[in-house]
Amino acid sequence: MSRQLQHTVFRSASFQVDVSYSENSRRQYAAASREIGAFLTAVRLLFGEAEAVLASAEWVALMERMEIPIHNANHNWRYVTVAAASQLATRRLTEQKRVQLEGGGSNE
């Protein structure tokens, strides 16, 4: 994922490092950045930029719903990625079935 898209994703998520938790917050921010970066790179390579944009919005929304403070040292960002991947798969399968029902799709 491009640094610009990654920065935009986190900026739009109100994902800010709290200076009172400085070192751990920075580590968690870096870990989350790596996690979403790897996820969105894979999505973009497999499904294209448009799907990556949707997946990024879902990842951020899921992260915000988890309500785990950024300073929590035990936070595992992989849970967010797994949930976002599940939503991606559901969306792709739903779209594939819709196209098939309309009689215009292949079995991709």
N, C-alpha and C. Protein backbone atom coordinates (compact mmCIF):
# COMPACT_ATOMS: atom_id res chain seq x y z
N MET A 1 0.85 -1.17 0.00
CA MET A 1 0.00 0.00 0.00
C MET A 1 0.89 1.22 0.00
N SER A 2 0.47 2.21 -0.73
CA SER A 2 1.28 3.43 -0.77
C SER A 2 1.25 4.13 0.58
N ARG A 3 2.34 4.79 0.91
CA ARG A 3 2.43 5.53 2.17
C ARG A 3 1.34 6.58 2.25
N GLN A 4 1.02 7.22 1.11
CA GLN A 4 0.00 8.26 1.10
C GLN A 4 -1.37 7.69 1.48
N LEU A 5 -1.74 6.56 0.88
CA LEU A 5 -3.02 5.94 1.22
C LEU A 5 -3.03 5.49 2.67
N GLN A 6 -1.93 4.90 3.12
CA GLN A 6 -1.84 4.45 4.51
C GLN A 6 -1.98 5.63 5.46
N HIS A 7 -1.30 6.74 5.19
CA HIS A 7 -1.40 7.92 6.04
C HIS A 7 -2.83 8.46 6.05
N THR A 8 -3.46 8.48 4.89
CA THR A 8 -4.84 8.97 4.79
C THR A 8 -5.79 8.09 5.60
N VAL A 9 -5.58 6.79 5.54
CA VAL A 9 -6.43 5.85 6.29
C VAL A 9 -6.37 6.15 7.77
N PHE A 10 -5.17 6.28 8.32
CA PHE A 10 -5.04 6.50 9.75
C PHE A 10 -5.47 7.90 10.15
N ARG A 11 -5.20 8.89 9.31
CA ARG A 11 -5.62 10.25 9.64
C ARG A 11 -7.15 10.31 9.70
N SER A 12 -7.82 9.62 8.78
CA SER A 12 -9.27 9.66 8.75
C SER A 12 -9.88 8.85 9.89
N ALA A 13 -9.09 8.00 10.52
CA ALA A 13 -9.60 7.15 11.59
C ALA A 13 -9.49 7.79 12.96
N SER A 14 -9.06 9.03 13.02
CA SER A 14 -8.84 9.69 14.30
C SER A 14 -7.88 8.85 15.14
N PHE A 15 -6.93 8.26 14.48
CA PHE A 15 -5.97 7.35 15.09
C PHE A 15 -4.74 8.18 15.43
N GLN A 16 -4.71 8.67 16.64
CA GLN A 16 -3.64 9.58 17.02
C GLN A 16 -2.84 9.01 18.17
N VAL A 17 -1.56 9.29 18.15
CA VAL A 17 -0.68 8.83 19.21
C VAL A 17 -0.81 9.79 20.39
N ASP A 18 -1.17 9.26 21.53
CA ASP A 18 -1.30 10.06 22.75
C ASP A 18 0.08 10.21 23.38
N VAL A 19 0.54 11.43 23.53
CA VAL A 19 1.89 11.66 24.03
C VAL A 19 2.08 11.15 25.45
N SER A 20 1.04 11.00 26.23
CA SER A 20 1.18 10.51 27.59
C SER A 20 1.56 9.03 27.63
N TYR A 21 1.39 8.35 26.52
CA TYR A 21 1.77 6.94 26.41
C TYR A 21 2.84 6.78 25.34
N SER A 22 3.67 7.74 25.20
CA SER A 22 4.57 7.93 24.07
C SER A 22 5.19 6.68 23.46
N GLU A 23 6.05 6.00 24.15
CA GLU A 23 6.79 4.90 23.51
C GLU A 23 5.88 3.74 23.11
N ASN A 24 5.02 3.30 24.01
CA ASN A 24 4.12 2.20 23.67
C ASN A 24 3.14 2.62 22.58
N SER A 25 2.65 3.85 22.63
CA SER A 25 1.73 4.33 21.60
C SER A 25 2.39 4.31 20.24
N ARG A 26 3.63 4.74 20.19
CA ARG A 26 4.36 4.74 18.92
C ARG A 26 4.54 3.30 18.40
N ARG A 27 4.85 2.39 19.31
CA ARG A 27 5.00 0.98 18.90
C ARG A 27 3.68 0.42 18.36
N GLN A 28 2.59 0.73 19.05
CA GLN A 28 1.29 0.24 18.61
C GLN A 28 0.88 0.86 17.27
N TYR A 29 1.15 2.14 17.12
CA TYR A 29 0.85 2.82 15.86
C TYR A 29 1.65 2.18 14.73
N ALA A 30 2.93 1.92 14.99
CA ALA A 30 3.79 1.28 13.98
C ALA A 30 3.28 -0.12 13.65
N ALA A 31 2.89 -0.87 14.67
CA ALA A 31 2.38 -2.22 14.45
C ALA A 31 1.08 -2.19 13.64
N ALA A 32 0.19 -1.27 13.98
CA ALA A 32 -1.07 -1.14 13.23
C ALA A 32 -0.80 -0.72 11.80
N SER A 33 0.16 0.17 11.61
CA SER A 33 0.51 0.63 10.26
C SER A 33 1.04 -0.53 9.42
N ARG A 34 1.89 -1.35 10.01
CA ARG A 34 2.40 -2.52 9.28
C ARG A 34 1.27 -3.49 8.95
N GLU A 35 0.39 -3.69 9.90
CA GLU A 35 -0.70 -4.65 9.71
C GLU A 35 -1.64 -4.21 8.59
N ILE A 36 -2.11 -2.97 8.65
CA ILE A 36 -3.01 -2.51 7.60
C ILE A 36 -2.28 -2.39 6.26
N GLY A 37 -1.02 -2.01 6.31
CA GLY A 37 -0.24 -1.92 5.08
C GLY A 37 -0.13 -3.26 4.37
N ALA A 38 0.18 -4.30 5.12
CA ALA A 38 0.30 -5.64 4.53
C ALA A 38 -1.06 -6.12 4.01
N PHE A 39 -2.10 -5.90 4.78
CA PHE A 39 -3.44 -6.32 4.37
C PHE A 39 -3.87 -5.62 3.09
N LEU A 40 -3.72 -4.31 3.05
CA LEU A 40 -4.19 -3.57 1.89
C LEU A 40 -3.32 -3.79 0.66
N THR A 41 -2.06 -4.06 0.85
CA THR A 41 -1.20 -4.41 -0.28
C THR A 41 -1.70 -5.71 -0.92
N ALA A 42 -2.00 -6.69 -0.09
CA ALA A 42 -2.52 -7.96 -0.59
C ALA A 42 -3.86 -7.77 -1.30
N VAL A 43 -4.75 -6.99 -0.70
CA VAL A 43 -6.06 -6.76 -1.32
C VAL A 43 -5.89 -6.07 -2.67
N ARG A 44 -5.03 -5.06 -2.72
CA ARG A 44 -4.82 -4.33 -3.97
C ARG A 44 -4.25 -5.25 -5.04
N LEU A 45 -3.27 -6.07 -4.69
CA LEU A 45 -2.67 -6.97 -5.67
C LEU A 45 -3.66 -8.03 -6.18
N LEU A 46 -4.51 -8.52 -5.28
CA LEU A 46 -5.45 -9.57 -5.66
C LEU A 46 -6.73 -9.05 -6.31
N PHE A 47 -7.21 -7.89 -5.85
CA PHE A 47 -8.54 -7.44 -6.27
C PHE A 47 -8.59 -6.03 -6.85
N GLY A 48 -7.50 -5.30 -6.78
CA GLY A 48 -7.47 -3.96 -7.36
C GLY A 48 -7.61 -2.84 -6.35
N GLU A 49 -7.35 -1.64 -6.84
CA GLU A 49 -7.34 -0.45 -5.98
C GLU A 49 -8.71 -0.13 -5.38
N ALA A 50 -9.77 -0.29 -6.16
CA ALA A 50 -11.11 0.03 -5.66
C ALA A 50 -11.47 -0.85 -4.46
N GLU A 51 -11.12 -2.12 -4.55
CA GLU A 51 -11.41 -3.04 -3.44
C GLU A 51 -10.55 -2.69 -2.23
N ALA A 52 -9.31 -2.25 -2.48
CA ALA A 52 -8.42 -1.86 -1.38
C ALA A 52 -8.97 -0.65 -0.63
N VAL A 53 -9.56 0.28 -1.36
CA VAL A 53 -10.16 1.46 -0.71
C VAL A 53 -11.32 1.03 0.19
N LEU A 54 -12.17 0.14 -0.30
CA LEU A 54 -13.28 -0.36 0.52
C LEU A 54 -12.75 -1.12 1.73
N ALA A 55 -11.75 -1.95 1.51
CA ALA A 55 -11.18 -2.74 2.61
C ALA A 55 -10.54 -1.84 3.65
N SER A 56 -9.92 -0.75 3.22
CA SER A 56 -9.30 0.16 4.19
C SER A 56 -10.35 0.81 5.07
N ALA A 57 -11.46 1.21 4.48
CA ALA A 57 -12.54 1.81 5.27
C ALA A 57 -13.10 0.81 6.27
N GLU A 58 -13.24 -0.44 5.84
CA GLU A 58 -13.74 -1.48 6.74
C GLU A 58 -12.75 -1.76 7.87
N TRP A 59 -11.46 -1.81 7.54
CA TRP A 59 -10.44 -2.08 8.56
C TRP A 59 -10.48 -1.00 9.63
N VAL A 60 -10.55 0.25 9.19
CA VAL A 60 -10.57 1.37 10.14
C VAL A 60 -11.85 1.32 10.99
N ALA A 61 -12.98 1.07 10.36
CA ALA A 61 -14.24 1.00 11.11
C ALA A 61 -14.19 -0.11 12.15
N LEU A 62 -13.64 -1.25 11.78
CA LEU A 62 -13.52 -2.36 12.73
C LEU A 62 -12.56 -2.01 13.86
N MET A 63 -11.46 -1.35 13.53
CA MET A 63 -10.50 -0.94 14.55
C MET A 63 -11.16 -0.01 15.56
N GLU A 64 -11.94 0.93 15.07
CA GLU A 64 -12.60 1.89 15.96
C GLU A 64 -13.65 1.21 16.83
N ARG A 65 -14.34 0.21 16.29
CA ARG A 65 -15.37 -0.50 17.07
C ARG A 65 -14.77 -1.37 18.16
N MET A 66 -13.52 -1.76 18.01
CA MET A 66 -12.90 -2.63 19.02
C MET A 66 -12.73 -1.92 20.35
N GLU A 67 -12.68 -0.61 20.33
CA GLU A 67 -12.61 0.21 21.54
C GLU A 67 -11.48 -0.23 22.49
N ILE A 68 -10.36 -0.56 21.92
CA ILE A 68 -9.19 -0.89 22.73
C ILE A 68 -8.23 0.29 22.59
N PRO A 69 -7.86 0.90 23.69
CA PRO A 69 -6.97 2.07 23.61
C PRO A 69 -5.66 1.73 22.93
N ILE A 70 -5.12 2.67 22.19
CA ILE A 70 -3.87 2.48 21.47
C ILE A 70 -2.72 2.14 22.41
N HIS A 71 -2.79 2.58 23.65
CA HIS A 71 -1.70 2.32 24.59
C HIS A 71 -1.75 0.92 25.20
N ASN A 72 -2.76 0.14 24.89
CA ASN A 72 -2.86 -1.23 25.39
C ASN A 72 -1.74 -2.07 24.77
N ALA A 73 -0.80 -2.50 25.58
CA ALA A 73 0.38 -3.21 25.09
C ALA A 73 0.04 -4.57 24.49
N ASN A 74 -1.10 -5.13 24.82
CA ASN A 74 -1.45 -6.46 24.35
C ASN A 74 -2.35 -6.46 23.12
N HIS A 75 -2.53 -5.31 22.52
CA HIS A 75 -3.44 -5.24 21.38
C HIS A 75 -2.87 -6.01 20.19
N ASN A 76 -3.68 -6.85 19.60
CA ASN A 76 -3.26 -7.62 18.44
C ASN A 76 -4.06 -7.15 17.23
N TRP A 77 -3.39 -6.43 16.35
CA TRP A 77 -4.04 -5.85 15.18
C TRP A 77 -4.49 -6.91 14.19
N ARG A 78 -3.98 -8.14 14.31
CA ARG A 78 -4.38 -9.20 13.39
C ARG A 78 -5.87 -9.50 13.50
N TYR A 79 -6.45 -9.32 14.69
CA TYR A 79 -7.89 -9.54 14.84
C TYR A 79 -8.68 -8.60 13.93
N VAL A 80 -8.24 -7.37 13.82
CA VAL A 80 -8.89 -6.40 12.94
C VAL A 80 -8.77 -6.87 11.49
N THR A 81 -7.59 -7.33 11.12
CA THR A 81 -7.36 -7.78 9.75
C THR A 81 -8.20 -9.00 9.41
N VAL A 82 -8.29 -9.93 10.33
CA VAL A 82 -9.11 -11.13 10.09
C VAL A 82 -10.58 -10.73 9.90
N ALA A 83 -11.07 -9.84 10.73
CA ALA A 83 -12.46 -9.39 10.59
C ALA A 83 -12.67 -8.65 9.27
N ALA A 84 -11.71 -7.80 8.88
CA ALA A 84 -11.82 -7.07 7.62
C ALA A 84 -11.75 -8.03 6.43
N ALA A 85 -10.91 -9.05 6.52
CA ALA A 85 -10.82 -10.05 5.45
C ALA A 85 -12.13 -10.83 5.33
N SER A 86 -12.75 -11.10 6.45
CA SER A 86 -14.05 -11.77 6.43
C SER A 86 -15.10 -10.92 5.72
N GLN A 87 -15.10 -9.63 6.02
CA GLN A 87 -16.05 -8.74 5.34
C GLN A 87 -15.75 -8.66 3.85
N LEU A 88 -14.49 -8.62 3.49
CA LEU A 88 -14.09 -8.61 2.08
C LEU A 88 -14.60 -9.87 1.38
N ALA A 89 -14.38 -11.02 1.98
CA ALA A 89 -14.83 -12.28 1.39
C ALA A 89 -16.34 -12.31 1.24
N THR A 90 -17.05 -11.87 2.26
CA THR A 90 -18.51 -11.83 2.20
C THR A 90 -18.98 -10.92 1.07
N ARG A 91 -18.38 -9.74 0.96
CA ARG A 91 -18.76 -8.80 -0.09
C ARG A 91 -18.49 -9.39 -1.47
N ARG A 92 -17.31 -10.01 -1.65
CA ARG A 92 -16.96 -10.58 -2.95
C ARG A 92 -17.89 -11.73 -3.32
N LEU A 93 -18.20 -12.60 -2.36
CA LEU A 93 -19.10 -13.72 -2.64
C LEU A 93 -20.51 -13.25 -2.94
N THR A 94 -20.97 -12.25 -2.22
CA THR A 94 -22.30 -11.70 -2.46
C THR A 94 -22.39 -11.11 -3.86
N GLU A 95 -21.36 -10.37 -4.25
CA GLU A 95 -21.33 -9.78 -5.59
C GLU A 95 -21.28 -10.86 -6.66
N GLN A 96 -20.48 -11.89 -6.43
CA GLN A 96 -20.38 -12.98 -7.39
C GLN A 96 -21.73 -13.70 -7.56
N LYS A 97 -22.41 -13.95 -6.46
CA LYS A 97 -23.72 -14.60 -6.54
C LYS A 97 -24.74 -13.71 -7.25
N ARG A 98 -24.68 -12.40 -6.97
CA ARG A 98 -25.60 -11.47 -7.64
C ARG A 98 -25.39 -11.51 -9.14
N VAL A 99 -24.16 -11.48 -9.57
CA VAL A 99 -23.85 -11.50 -11.01
C VAL A 99 -24.30 -12.83 -11.61
N GLN A 100 -24.08 -13.93 -10.93
CA GLN A 100 -24.50 -15.23 -11.43
C GLN A 100 -26.02 -15.32 -11.56
N LEU A 101 -26.73 -14.79 -10.58
CA LEU A 101 -28.19 -14.80 -10.63
C LEU A 101 -28.73 -13.97 -11.77
N GLU A 102 -28.00 -12.94 -12.14
CA GLU A 102 -28.38 -12.09 -13.26
C GLU A 102 -28.00 -12.75 -14.59
N GLY A 103 -27.31 -13.88 -14.50
CA GLY A 103 -26.96 -14.63 -15.71
C GLY A 103 -25.75 -14.12 -16.47
N GLY A 104 -24.98 -13.24 -15.87
CA GLY A 104 -23.86 -12.67 -16.62
C GLY A 104 -22.51 -12.99 -16.07
N GLY A 105 -22.42 -13.89 -15.10
CA GLY A 105 -21.12 -14.10 -14.46
C GLY A 105 -20.54 -15.45 -14.71
N SER A 106 -19.25 -15.52 -14.51
CA SER A 106 -18.54 -16.80 -14.58
C SER A 106 -18.32 -17.29 -13.15
N ASN A 107 -17.73 -18.41 -13.01
CA ASN A 107 -17.47 -18.98 -11.68
C ASN A 107 -16.09 -18.62 -11.17
N GLU A 108 -15.71 -17.38 -11.18
CA GLU A 108 -14.40 -16.93 -10.72
C GLU A 108 -14.24 -17.14 -9.24
